[in-house]
Protein backbone atom coordinates (compact mmCIF):
# COMPACT_ATOMS: atom_id res chain seq x y z
CA UNK A 1 -18.37 61.63 -15.48
CA UNK A 2 -19.82 58.24 -16.45
CA UNK A 3 -18.94 58.82 -20.13
CA UNK A 4 -15.25 59.40 -19.36
CA UNK A 5 -13.15 56.54 -20.72
CA UNK A 6 -9.52 57.72 -20.68
CA UNK A 7 -7.19 59.02 -18.01
CA UNK A 8 -6.64 62.21 -20.01
CA UNK A 9 -10.34 63.06 -19.88
CA UNK A 10 -10.65 62.08 -16.22
CA UNK A 11 -7.75 64.28 -15.11
CA UNK A 12 -8.89 67.13 -17.34
CA UNK A 13 -12.25 67.04 -15.56
CA UNK A 14 -10.56 67.42 -12.19
CA UNK A 15 -8.23 70.19 -13.32
CA UNK A 16 -11.12 72.09 -14.89
CA UNK A 17 -12.93 72.16 -11.56
CA UNK A 18 -9.82 72.98 -9.52
CA UNK A 19 -9.33 76.67 -8.79
CA UNK A 20 -6.41 76.24 -6.40
CA UNK A 21 -3.52 73.90 -5.62
CA UNK A 22 -3.07 70.68 -7.60
CA UNK A 23 -0.12 69.34 -5.61
CA UNK A 24 2.63 70.30 -3.19
CA UNK A 25 6.03 68.66 -2.73
CA UNK A 26 8.34 68.84 0.27
CA UNK A 27 12.07 69.02 -0.54
CA UNK A 28 14.85 69.91 1.86
CA UNK A 29 12.22 70.70 4.45
CA UNK A 30 10.35 73.23 2.28
CA UNK A 31 6.92 72.81 0.71
CA UNK A 32 6.39 74.01 -2.88
CA UNK A 33 2.81 74.43 -4.11
CA UNK A 34 1.80 74.12 -7.77
CA UNK A 35 -1.47 75.75 -8.81
CA UNK A 36 -3.69 74.46 -11.59
CA UNK A 37 -2.51 77.00 -14.19
CA UNK A 38 1.15 76.17 -13.64
CA UNK A 39 0.43 72.43 -13.56
CA UNK A 40 -1.40 72.52 -16.92
CA UNK A 41 1.25 74.69 -18.54
CA UNK A 42 4.12 72.45 -17.44
CA UNK A 43 2.22 69.26 -18.27
CA UNK A 44 1.45 70.40 -21.82
CA UNK A 45 4.95 71.74 -22.45
CA UNK A 46 6.50 68.54 -21.08
CA UNK A 47 4.26 66.44 -23.35
CA UNK A 48 5.23 68.49 -26.39
CA UNK A 49 8.89 68.29 -25.32
CA UNK A 50 8.70 64.50 -25.24
CA UNK A 51 7.03 64.61 -28.66
CA UNK A 52 9.96 66.66 -30.01
CA UNK A 53 12.25 63.89 -28.73
CA UNK A 54 10.38 61.37 -30.85
CA UNK A 55 7.95 59.91 -28.29
CA UNK A 56 4.82 58.64 -30.02
CA UNK A 57 1.72 56.64 -29.14
CA UNK A 58 2.65 53.27 -27.66
CA UNK A 59 6.27 54.20 -26.87
CA UNK A 60 7.47 53.32 -23.38
CA UNK A 61 9.27 55.77 -21.08
CA UNK A 62 10.72 54.84 -17.67
CA UNK A 63 9.94 57.09 -14.70
CA UNK A 64 12.38 56.54 -11.83
CA UNK A 65 11.50 58.95 -9.06
CA UNK A 66 10.14 59.43 -5.58
CA UNK A 67 6.65 60.92 -5.26
CA UNK A 68 6.46 64.54 -6.39
CA UNK A 69 4.44 67.04 -8.37
CA UNK A 70 6.88 66.46 -11.23
CA UNK A 71 6.04 62.73 -11.15
CA UNK A 72 2.40 63.60 -11.81
CA UNK A 73 3.28 66.12 -14.53
CA UNK A 74 5.55 63.69 -16.39
CA UNK A 75 3.08 60.81 -16.09
CA UNK A 76 0.22 62.94 -17.43
CA UNK A 77 2.45 64.32 -20.18
CA UNK A 78 3.21 60.82 -21.41
CA UNK A 79 -0.46 59.81 -21.22
CA UNK A 80 -1.35 62.90 -23.29
CA UNK A 81 0.71 61.47 -26.15
CA UNK A 82 -0.75 57.98 -25.84
CA UNK A 83 2.69 56.90 -24.64
CA UNK A 84 3.22 54.38 -21.84
CA UNK A 85 4.77 55.33 -18.52
CA UNK A 86 6.92 52.67 -16.85
CA UNK A 87 7.38 53.59 -13.17
CA UNK A 88 10.40 52.26 -11.28
CA UNK A 89 10.57 52.09 -7.48
CA UNK A 90 13.28 54.19 -5.84
CA UNK A 91 14.18 51.10 -3.79
CA UNK A 92 14.53 48.79 -6.80
CA UNK A 93 18.00 47.15 -7.03
CA UNK A 94 20.23 47.71 -10.06
CA UNK A 95 19.57 44.30 -11.59
CA UNK A 96 15.81 44.85 -11.57
CA UNK A 97 16.16 48.36 -13.01
CA UNK A 98 18.17 46.92 -15.91
CA UNK A 99 15.57 44.16 -16.39
CA UNK A 100 12.70 46.66 -16.52
CA UNK A 101 14.45 49.06 -18.91
CA UNK A 102 15.35 46.26 -21.32
CA UNK A 103 12.17 44.21 -20.99
CA UNK A 104 9.94 47.25 -21.56
CA UNK A 105 12.13 48.50 -24.39
CA UNK A 106 11.93 52.07 -23.12
CA UNK A 107 12.94 54.84 -25.51
CA UNK A 108 13.46 57.33 -22.68
CA UNK A 109 14.51 57.21 -19.05
CA UNK A 110 13.50 59.90 -16.56
CA UNK A 111 15.24 60.03 -13.17
CA UNK A 112 14.73 62.46 -10.31
CA UNK A 113 18.16 62.72 -8.70
CA UNK A 114 21.84 62.00 -9.13
CA UNK A 115 21.65 59.55 -6.21
CA UNK A 116 19.04 57.42 -7.99
CA UNK A 117 20.87 57.64 -11.30
CA UNK A 118 24.09 56.37 -9.71
CA UNK A 119 22.25 53.23 -8.54
CA UNK A 120 21.63 52.23 -12.15
CA UNK A 121 23.98 49.68 -13.74
CA UNK A 122 26.48 51.13 -16.22
CA UNK A 123 25.32 48.91 -19.07
CA UNK A 124 21.76 50.27 -18.80
CA UNK A 125 22.78 53.23 -20.95
CA UNK A 126 23.81 50.88 -23.74
CA UNK A 127 20.29 49.43 -24.07
CA UNK A 128 19.48 49.43 -27.77
CA UNK A 129 16.05 51.06 -27.48
CA UNK A 130 17.10 53.87 -25.11
CA UNK A 131 17.40 57.13 -27.05
CA UNK A 132 17.45 59.83 -24.37
CA UNK A 133 17.61 60.41 -20.60
CA UNK A 134 16.20 63.27 -18.55
CA UNK A 135 16.90 64.48 -15.01
CA UNK A 136 14.02 66.04 -13.13
CA UNK A 137 16.16 68.17 -10.82
CA UNK A 138 19.25 68.57 -13.02
CA UNK A 139 21.68 66.82 -15.35
CA UNK A 140 23.76 64.02 -13.82
CA UNK A 141 25.82 62.80 -16.78
CA UNK A 142 27.00 63.97 -20.18
CA UNK A 143 24.14 64.27 -22.66
CA UNK A 144 21.37 64.10 -20.05
CA UNK A 145 18.56 66.56 -20.64
CA UNK A 146 16.99 68.45 -17.76
CA UNK A 147 13.25 68.73 -17.26
CA UNK A 148 13.63 72.49 -17.70
CA UNK A 149 15.23 71.94 -21.12
CA UNK A 150 12.52 69.48 -22.21
CA UNK A 151 9.81 71.96 -21.20
CA UNK A 152 11.58 74.69 -23.19
CA UNK A 153 11.65 72.36 -26.22
CA UNK A 154 7.98 71.70 -25.70
CA UNK A 155 7.08 75.37 -25.61
CA UNK A 156 8.82 75.77 -28.97
CA UNK A 157 7.00 72.71 -30.33
CA UNK A 158 3.61 74.07 -29.23
CA UNK A 159 4.28 77.43 -30.85
CA UNK A 160 4.79 75.58 -34.15
CA UNK A 161 1.98 73.02 -33.71
CA UNK A 162 -0.61 74.52 -31.30
CA UNK A 163 -3.14 71.73 -31.91
CA UNK A 164 -0.65 68.92 -31.27
CA UNK A 165 -1.94 67.75 -27.89
CA UNK A 166 -5.58 68.12 -28.87
CA UNK A 167 -4.86 65.69 -31.71
CA UNK A 168 -2.82 63.20 -29.66
CA UNK A 169 -5.36 63.11 -26.83
CA UNK A 170 -8.30 62.64 -29.16
CA UNK A 171 -6.57 59.60 -30.69
CA UNK A 172 -6.48 57.74 -27.35
CA UNK A 173 -9.17 55.14 -26.61
CA UNK A 174 -10.11 53.21 -23.48
CA UNK A 175 -8.32 50.01 -24.52
CA UNK A 176 -4.97 51.69 -25.19
CA UNK A 177 -2.06 50.72 -22.96
CA UNK A 178 -1.42 53.44 -20.35
CA UNK A 179 1.25 52.01 -18.09
CA UNK A 180 3.51 49.04 -17.48
CA UNK A 181 3.61 48.43 -13.73
CA UNK A 182 6.37 46.01 -12.84
CA UNK A 183 5.28 44.09 -9.78
CA UNK A 184 7.78 44.30 -6.95
CA UNK A 185 6.82 40.77 -5.96
CA UNK A 186 8.08 38.73 -3.03
CA UNK A 187 10.11 36.38 -5.26
CA UNK A 188 11.72 36.38 -8.70
CA UNK A 189 12.14 39.06 -11.37
CA UNK A 190 9.32 41.63 -11.61
CA UNK A 191 6.69 41.13 -14.32
CA UNK A 192 5.32 43.97 -16.43
CA UNK A 193 1.59 44.31 -15.82
CA UNK A 194 -0.15 45.99 -18.76
CA UNK A 195 -2.88 48.38 -17.59
CA UNK A 196 -5.04 50.31 -20.02
CA UNK A 197 -6.67 53.73 -19.79
CA UNK A 198 -9.96 51.93 -19.26
CA UNK A 199 -8.53 49.74 -16.49
CA UNK A 200 -7.37 52.69 -14.41
CA UNK A 201 -10.23 55.05 -15.27
CA UNK A 202 -13.02 52.64 -14.33
CA UNK A 203 -11.15 51.73 -11.14
CA UNK A 204 -10.73 55.36 -10.08
CA UNK A 205 -14.39 56.14 -10.81
CA UNK A 206 -15.57 53.12 -8.83
CA UNK A 207 -13.30 53.96 -5.89
CA UNK A 208 -14.70 57.50 -5.89
CA UNK A 209 -18.11 56.12 -4.97
CA UNK A 210 -16.83 54.57 -1.74
CA UNK A 211 -14.29 56.82 0.00
CA UNK A 212 -15.75 58.37 3.17
CA UNK A 213 -14.41 61.91 3.16
CA UNK A 214 -15.70 65.17 1.76
CA UNK A 215 -14.09 66.35 -1.49
CA UNK A 216 -12.28 68.41 -2.46
CA UNK A 217 -9.98 68.20 0.55
CA UNK A 218 -6.25 68.05 1.23
CA UNK A 219 -4.78 64.55 1.03
CA UNK A 220 -1.34 63.26 1.95
CA UNK A 221 0.69 60.80 -0.13
CA UNK A 222 3.52 58.65 1.17
CA UNK A 223 3.07 55.25 -0.54
CA UNK A 224 5.11 55.10 -3.77
CA UNK A 225 3.28 56.26 -6.90
CA UNK A 226 5.07 53.37 -8.62
CA UNK A 227 2.64 51.11 -6.72
CA UNK A 228 -0.77 50.69 -8.31
CA UNK A 229 -2.67 51.48 -5.08
CA UNK A 230 -1.22 54.99 -4.73
CA UNK A 231 -1.35 55.40 -8.51
CA UNK A 232 -5.12 54.94 -8.66
CA UNK A 233 -5.52 56.97 -5.47
CA UNK A 234 -3.68 59.90 -7.06
CA UNK A 235 -5.86 59.56 -10.15
CA UNK A 236 -8.96 59.72 -7.96
CA UNK A 237 -7.58 62.71 -6.05
CA UNK A 238 -6.80 64.64 -9.23
CA UNK A 239 -10.22 63.85 -10.70
CA UNK A 240 -11.88 65.22 -7.53
CA UNK A 241 -9.67 68.35 -7.38
CA UNK A 242 -8.05 67.24 -4.09
CA UNK A 243 -4.68 68.93 -3.45
CA UNK A 244 -2.07 66.18 -3.01
CA UNK A 245 0.79 66.73 -0.55
CA UNK A 246 3.90 64.62 -1.16
CA UNK A 247 6.12 64.11 1.88
CA UNK A 248 9.92 63.94 1.77
CA UNK A 249 10.54 61.04 4.14
CA UNK A 250 8.38 58.76 6.25
CA UNK A 251 10.58 59.69 9.23
CA UNK A 252 8.75 63.03 9.23
CA UNK A 253 5.30 61.62 8.47
CA UNK A 254 3.64 62.65 11.74
CA UNK A 255 5.20 66.12 11.57
CA UNK A 256 3.97 66.50 8.00
CA UNK A 257 0.47 65.36 8.91
CA UNK A 258 0.29 68.13 11.51
CA UNK A 259 1.39 70.65 8.86
CA UNK A 260 -0.86 69.43 6.03
CA UNK A 261 -3.86 68.44 8.18
CA UNK A 262 -5.12 65.97 5.51
CA UNK A 263 -8.63 64.59 5.35
CA UNK A 264 -7.52 61.25 3.93
CA UNK A 265 -4.56 59.11 2.97
CA UNK A 266 -3.99 55.59 1.75
CA UNK A 267 -1.74 53.43 3.87
CA UNK A 268 -0.52 49.91 4.48
CA UNK A 269 -1.13 47.84 7.64
CA UNK A 270 2.50 48.13 8.73
CA UNK A 271 2.17 51.88 9.31
CA UNK A 272 -1.05 51.47 11.30
CA UNK A 273 0.56 48.70 13.35
CA UNK A 274 3.48 51.01 14.14
CA UNK A 275 1.10 53.83 15.12
CA UNK A 276 -0.75 51.41 17.38
CA UNK A 277 2.51 50.13 18.89
CA UNK A 278 3.85 53.65 19.44
CA UNK A 279 0.70 54.87 21.15
CA UNK A 280 0.49 51.81 23.38
CA UNK A 281 4.19 52.05 24.29
CA UNK A 282 3.76 55.63 25.48
CA UNK A 283 0.67 54.64 27.44
CA UNK A 284 2.62 51.84 29.14
CA UNK A 285 5.44 54.24 30.02
CA UNK A 286 3.13 57.01 31.29
CA UNK A 287 3.07 57.27 35.09
CA UNK A 288 0.35 58.24 37.53
CA UNK A 289 -3.26 59.14 36.80
CA UNK A 290 -2.49 60.21 33.22
CA UNK A 291 -1.11 56.75 32.48
CA UNK A 292 -4.10 55.01 34.03
CA UNK A 293 -6.54 57.10 31.98
CA UNK A 294 -4.57 56.58 28.76
CA UNK A 295 -4.37 52.81 29.21
CA UNK A 296 -8.09 52.64 30.01
CA UNK A 297 -9.01 54.72 26.95
CA UNK A 298 -6.76 52.83 24.54
CA UNK A 299 -8.01 49.53 25.92
CA UNK A 300 -11.54 50.65 24.99
CA UNK A 301 -10.33 51.64 21.51
CA UNK A 302 -8.91 48.15 20.94
CA UNK A 303 -12.34 46.70 21.79
CA UNK A 304 -14.22 49.10 19.49
CA UNK A 305 -17.18 47.33 17.84
CA UNK A 306 -16.96 47.83 14.06
CA UNK A 307 -20.49 46.45 13.68
CA UNK A 308 -21.96 48.90 16.18
CA UNK A 309 -19.83 52.05 16.04
CA UNK A 310 -22.17 54.37 17.93
CA UNK A 311 -20.43 56.13 20.84
CA UNK A 312 -21.75 55.68 24.39
CA UNK A 313 -21.03 57.90 27.40
CA UNK A 314 -17.71 56.19 28.22
CA UNK A 315 -16.56 56.54 24.61
CA UNK A 316 -17.39 60.25 24.71
CA UNK A 317 -15.43 60.65 27.93
CA UNK A 318 -12.45 58.78 26.41
CA UNK A 319 -12.68 60.98 23.32
CA UNK A 320 -12.70 64.17 25.40
CA UNK A 321 -9.81 63.11 27.62
CA UNK A 322 -7.61 61.15 25.20
CA UNK A 323 -8.71 60.43 21.62
CA UNK A 324 -9.19 64.05 20.53
CA UNK A 325 -5.71 64.94 21.76
CA UNK A 326 -4.22 61.99 19.85
CA UNK A 327 -6.00 63.00 16.63
CA UNK A 328 -4.65 66.55 16.96
CA UNK A 329 -1.13 65.55 18.01
CA UNK A 330 -0.53 62.71 15.56
CA UNK A 331 -2.86 63.22 12.60
CA UNK A 332 -3.32 66.99 12.31
CA UNK A 333 -6.84 67.07 13.72
CA UNK A 334 -8.58 66.97 10.33
CA UNK A 335 -8.16 63.31 9.31
CA UNK A 336 -11.55 61.84 8.40
CA UNK A 337 -10.50 58.47 7.00
CA UNK A 338 -7.66 56.06 6.30
CA UNK A 339 -7.80 53.44 3.56
CA UNK A 340 -5.59 50.42 4.17
CA UNK A 341 -4.48 48.02 1.46
CA UNK A 342 -1.58 45.92 0.22
CA UNK A 343 -1.75 43.31 3.00
CA UNK A 344 -4.03 42.04 5.73
CA UNK A 345 -4.90 44.44 8.56
CA UNK A 346 -5.59 42.85 11.92
CA UNK A 347 -9.08 43.32 13.36
CA UNK A 348 -7.58 44.64 16.60
CA UNK A 349 -5.58 47.41 14.91
CA UNK A 350 -8.52 48.34 12.68
CA UNK A 351 -10.80 48.52 15.73
CA UNK A 352 -8.20 50.67 17.52
CA UNK A 353 -7.97 53.27 14.72
CA UNK A 354 -11.76 53.46 14.41
CA UNK A 355 -11.99 53.66 18.18
CA UNK A 356 -9.80 56.78 18.08
CA UNK A 357 -12.46 58.41 15.90
CA UNK A 358 -10.76 57.97 12.50
CA UNK A 359 -12.69 55.94 9.96
CA UNK A 360 -10.45 53.08 8.81
CA UNK A 361 -11.44 50.44 6.28
CA UNK A 362 -9.71 47.90 4.09
CA UNK A 363 -9.61 47.26 0.40
CA UNK A 364 -8.22 44.38 -1.62
CA UNK A 365 -6.68 44.05 -5.01
CA UNK A 366 -3.61 43.31 -7.11
CA UNK A 367 -1.46 45.22 -9.54
CA UNK A 368 -3.07 42.93 -12.13
CA UNK A 369 -6.52 44.32 -11.23
CA UNK A 370 -5.73 48.04 -11.55
CA UNK A 371 -5.66 47.44 -8.49
CA UNK A 372 -8.95 47.53 -6.54
CA UNK A 373 -11.26 44.49 -6.48
CA UNK A 374 -13.14 45.09 -3.25
CA UNK A 375 -13.41 48.09 -0.94
CA UNK A 376 -15.09 48.88 2.35
CA UNK A 377 -18.44 50.65 2.46
CA UNK A 378 -19.15 53.28 5.07
CA UNK A 379 -21.20 51.98 8.01
CA UNK A 380 -20.79 48.42 6.66
CA UNK A 381 -17.43 47.48 8.15
CA UNK A 382 -16.98 43.82 9.06
CA UNK A 383 -14.01 42.75 11.22
CA UNK A 384 -11.46 40.99 9.02
CA UNK A 385 -13.30 41.79 5.79
CA UNK A 386 -11.75 43.66 2.85
CA UNK A 387 -15.14 44.94 1.72
CA UNK A 388 -17.40 44.16 -1.20
CA UNK A 389 -16.72 44.22 -4.97
CA UNK A 390 -16.67 47.69 -6.51
CA UNK A 391 -18.91 48.63 -9.44
CA UNK A 392 -18.90 46.24 -12.43
CA UNK A 393 -16.46 43.86 -10.71
CA UNK A 394 -17.32 40.19 -10.19
CA UNK A 395 -15.80 37.93 -7.54
CA UNK A 396 -16.23 34.20 -7.01
CA UNK A 397 -14.47 31.49 -5.03
CA UNK A 398 -13.05 28.50 -6.92
CA UNK A 399 -13.44 24.94 -5.69
CA UNK A 400 -9.97 25.05 -4.12
CA UNK A 401 -10.76 28.31 -2.31
CA UNK A 402 -8.90 30.63 -4.69
CA UNK A 403 -10.42 34.07 -5.30
CA UNK A 404 -11.28 34.71 -8.96
CA UNK A 405 -12.34 38.06 -10.40
CA UNK A 406 -13.68 39.40 -13.68
CA UNK A 407 -14.46 42.87 -14.99
CA UNK A 408 -13.05 46.08 -16.49
CA UNK A 409 -10.27 46.12 -13.89
CA UNK A 410 -8.52 42.99 -15.20
CA UNK A 411 -5.15 43.75 -16.83
CA UNK A 412 -4.46 43.37 -20.52
CA UNK A 413 -1.80 40.80 -19.57
CA UNK A 414 1.88 40.47 -18.68
CA UNK A 415 4.19 42.27 -21.11
CA UNK A 416 6.16 39.83 -23.30
CA UNK A 417 4.80 36.90 -21.25
CA UNK A 418 1.87 35.28 -23.11
CA UNK A 419 2.17 31.92 -21.32
CA UNK A 420 2.08 33.52 -17.85
CA UNK A 421 -0.88 35.64 -18.97
CA UNK A 422 -2.78 32.54 -20.11
CA UNK A 423 -2.06 30.86 -16.76
CA UNK A 424 -3.45 33.85 -14.86
CA UNK A 425 -6.49 34.81 -16.97
CA UNK A 426 -8.86 32.11 -18.21
CA UNK A 427 -10.35 32.14 -21.68
CA UNK A 428 -13.63 33.54 -20.36
CA UNK A 429 -11.94 36.44 -18.58
CA UNK A 430 -11.62 35.24 -14.97
CA UNK A 431 -8.34 36.25 -13.32
CA UNK A 432 -6.76 33.91 -10.76
CA UNK A 433 -5.60 36.08 -7.85
CA UNK A 434 -3.48 33.46 -6.09
CA UNK A 435 -5.24 34.35 -2.83
CA UNK A 436 -7.45 32.07 -0.77
CA UNK A 437 -10.65 33.55 0.61
CA UNK A 438 -14.36 33.33 1.31
CA UNK A 439 -17.51 35.40 0.77
CA UNK A 440 -20.20 35.84 3.40
CA UNK A 441 -23.92 35.95 2.69
CA UNK A 442 -23.80 39.72 2.08
CA UNK A 443 -20.91 39.58 -0.38
CA UNK A 444 -18.16 40.69 2.01
CA UNK A 445 -14.81 39.16 1.09
CA UNK A 446 -12.35 37.70 3.59
CA UNK A 447 -8.75 36.82 2.65
CA UNK A 448 -7.45 33.76 4.47
CA UNK A 449 -4.04 33.31 2.82
CA UNK A 450 -1.87 33.34 -0.26
CA UNK A 451 -2.28 30.11 -2.23
CA UNK A 452 1.50 29.77 -2.68
CA UNK A 453 2.16 30.35 1.02
CA UNK A 454 0.07 27.43 2.23
CA UNK A 455 2.28 24.63 3.51
CA UNK A 456 1.87 21.13 4.90
CA UNK A 457 3.27 19.76 8.13
CA UNK A 458 4.80 16.28 8.21
CA UNK A 459 1.59 15.21 9.96
CA UNK A 460 -0.38 16.02 6.79
CA UNK A 461 -2.09 19.11 8.22
CA UNK A 462 -2.20 22.20 5.96
CA UNK A 463 -1.22 25.55 7.48
CA UNK A 464 -2.30 29.03 6.33
CA UNK A 465 0.43 31.20 7.90
CA UNK A 466 -0.84 34.72 7.15
CA UNK A 467 -3.82 34.83 9.57
CA UNK A 468 -1.55 33.59 12.38
CA UNK A 469 1.09 36.18 11.48
CA UNK A 470 -1.48 38.99 11.41
CA UNK A 471 -2.75 38.09 14.88
CA UNK A 472 0.78 37.91 16.29
CA UNK A 473 1.80 41.24 14.73
CA UNK A 474 -1.34 42.96 16.04
CA UNK A 475 0.37 43.07 19.44
CA UNK A 476 2.47 46.26 19.72
CA UNK A 477 5.48 44.26 20.92
CA UNK A 478 5.79 42.40 17.59
CA UNK A 479 6.71 44.18 14.35
CA UNK A 480 6.78 41.12 12.07
CA UNK A 481 5.95 37.46 12.51
CA UNK A 482 6.89 34.82 9.93
CA UNK A 483 5.36 31.39 10.55
CA UNK A 484 7.41 28.39 9.37
CA UNK A 485 7.11 24.60 9.45
CA UNK A 486 6.84 22.89 6.01
CA UNK A 487 7.54 19.16 6.39
CA UNK A 488 8.03 19.42 10.16
CA UNK A 489 5.70 18.25 12.93
CA UNK A 490 4.80 21.69 14.27
CA UNK A 491 4.75 25.41 13.48
CA UNK A 492 7.46 27.77 14.64
CA UNK A 493 8.01 31.46 13.95
CA UNK A 494 10.58 34.14 13.34
CA UNK A 495 9.56 37.10 15.51
CA UNK A 496 10.85 40.63 14.90
CA UNK A 497 10.38 42.80 18.00
CA UNK A 498 9.13 46.36 17.52
CA UNK A 499 12.17 48.49 18.37
CA UNK A 500 10.24 51.61 19.43
CA UNK A 501 7.91 49.67 21.71
CA UNK A 502 10.79 47.71 23.24
CA UNK A 503 12.76 50.90 23.93
CA UNK A 504 9.76 52.56 25.62
CA UNK A 505 8.60 49.54 27.61
CA UNK A 506 11.91 47.78 28.43
CA UNK A 507 14.60 50.44 28.08
CA UNK A 508 17.48 50.88 25.60
CA UNK A 509 19.19 47.59 26.59
CA UNK A 510 16.39 45.12 27.38
CA UNK A 511 17.08 41.77 28.96
CA UNK A 512 16.68 39.18 26.19
CA UNK A 513 15.06 36.60 28.48
CA UNK A 514 12.53 39.14 29.75
CA UNK A 515 11.71 40.08 26.16
CA UNK A 516 11.34 36.45 25.09
CA UNK A 517 9.04 35.79 28.05
CA UNK A 518 6.85 38.73 27.02
CA UNK A 519 6.69 37.49 23.42
CA UNK A 520 5.87 33.99 24.64
CA UNK A 521 2.91 35.47 26.51
CA UNK A 522 1.66 37.01 23.25
CA UNK A 523 2.10 33.71 21.41
CA UNK A 524 0.29 31.80 24.16
CA UNK A 525 -2.65 34.18 23.87
CA UNK A 526 -2.87 33.75 20.09
CA UNK A 527 -2.47 29.97 20.42
CA UNK A 528 -5.57 29.80 22.63
CA UNK A 529 -7.76 30.43 19.58
CA UNK A 530 -5.90 28.06 17.23
CA UNK A 531 -6.24 24.30 16.73
CA UNK A 532 -3.22 22.35 18.05
CA UNK A 533 -1.59 21.88 14.63
CA UNK A 534 -1.64 25.66 13.92
CA UNK A 535 -0.20 26.71 17.27
CA UNK A 536 3.29 28.24 17.31
CA UNK A 537 5.40 25.95 19.51
CA UNK A 538 8.78 27.70 19.28
CA UNK A 539 10.18 31.00 18.01
CA UNK A 540 13.42 32.79 17.24
CA UNK A 541 13.66 36.41 18.40
CA UNK A 542 15.06 38.98 15.95
CA UNK A 543 15.97 42.43 17.31
CA UNK A 544 17.16 43.97 14.02
CA UNK A 545 14.19 45.34 12.01
CA UNK A 546 13.47 44.01 8.52
CA UNK A 547 14.26 46.61 5.83
CA UNK A 548 13.68 47.19 2.14
CA UNK A 549 17.38 47.79 1.49
CA UNK A 550 18.33 44.44 3.04
CA UNK A 551 15.81 42.68 0.79
CA UNK A 552 13.56 41.50 3.61
CA UNK A 553 10.64 43.77 2.66
CA UNK A 554 9.01 44.81 -0.60
CA UNK A 555 8.59 48.55 -1.34
CA UNK A 556 5.10 48.25 0.18
CA UNK A 557 6.52 46.66 3.37
CA UNK A 558 5.42 43.08 2.77
CA UNK A 559 7.82 40.37 3.92
CA UNK A 560 9.90 38.71 1.21
CA UNK A 561 9.63 35.24 2.70
CA UNK A 562 12.19 33.63 0.40
CA UNK A 563 14.86 36.19 1.33
CA UNK A 564 14.07 35.97 5.03
CA UNK A 565 14.23 32.18 4.97
CA UNK A 566 17.61 32.31 3.25
CA UNK A 567 18.99 34.80 5.77
CA UNK A 568 17.76 32.93 8.85
CA UNK A 569 18.18 29.36 7.62
CA UNK A 570 20.51 28.36 10.49
CA UNK A 571 18.20 29.85 13.11
CA UNK A 572 15.21 28.01 11.64
CA UNK A 573 17.11 24.74 11.54
CA UNK A 574 18.07 25.25 15.19
CA UNK A 575 14.42 25.60 16.20
CA UNK A 576 13.70 22.12 14.90
CA UNK A 577 16.99 20.43 15.75
CA UNK A 578 16.45 21.35 19.41
CA UNK A 579 12.94 19.87 19.50
């Protein structure tokens, strides 16, 4: 596989060695499997159908859909033509959808449902470059083609030109643009990140060398394919003939895991934090001997030594009495590994998941790096580390602490933004990540903060808020912590309580003072390990969870600090005016 240089060749390799299911999608509570023969047939016909609509090499087509088998088919169909897929998040607001469609100059727009289509602004359809629209599950407006109709057109096209796709695929080279991934970002309008076939192919091949589960095996997908992490994960899965199971809603995630019984899935820290909080809440609420045993076992899991993972007698007893039951009840009993990315994962939560007997490691990267820069290595986990650079990737730390990287994973640039590209990628190929970090003597990378999130107190002390926030949120009582304090004498925080944990531990109508006292205890514990100027002196309690729809979270569940600050400006001012 080392000679493979395009996504078309990489996926073809996986499909050739797959004798069973390529993917399965859950809709309206029902799973629909797609075998390799059906997948190839629909992919080729869809590609030829797009060709009949005028799509050619280099043309951009928007793909606005939740995860599904059809998403994969359409994406691969576009790649087969040398065209460029432009994924759009299902949670993206109307203004950003319009920006993406116009900025990318898409000639076609594919949407999965009438609900998503109705979220689009009316003037999107008048975009000068847009020639056609297609509905995956039906037609939602006059003139909209259905996927079924496009496939029928493609079958007719292939009967007339049977060598069409062989010719289009052979014309694609490693450096050709494959996708425009518009970063969701925590501020401002999204930017179009140009990723080539070579970017994504080399990243998927390098990732394949690290993941600690046996392939082929069933995998579960819940992170949006519009995000580069799940995008490269799906590419890896397809190349290794792993059947991908796409869930319908995260509300049914645990139920779906028991049905699918996956060996692996990619995730974000927020999900693992919620799993940790949920398990601990039930342990707190459990009465009698069962509760004592559960709390003892989970306490051991939180203290699991990542550097020395060998199980002793007490670990084996805890596994027999508690951990094995949790793995069966929550994760389907077949989960070998979880890969966490997108944000920092606390050492405590990582230790807890590994302590349960599920291998959990971190990776690090950006949309601009296809996305993986570093990834964990089996049996080489370091608490707080995001792993070591993957194959052919270089990492160094600049004089100001910023992480720089160079290699085949670095994007071609930002679409239509040459000045921003020049600011991000130096003339000799080093990309500025905007993250602050350090390397240990063995090459393990540690992220300490976002460069833009560093702030200075009025005393002149610089604060890196993210490590403090990660430690606070590692407690199951706290869902999100946002540290504040620029130009003031001390740090304060906005604290979002974990609703599920609160309900289990304090009842449906908890006393606010009792809750604040409990949170203060958590803050006091974290403060013990911080220098005085980093300690959180005051906080504001928030009982309503942050959501994507309200603009407080990105599609990958990272806090949009600017939006949160705007929403809670009065509460933040009150924290300092009372001091």
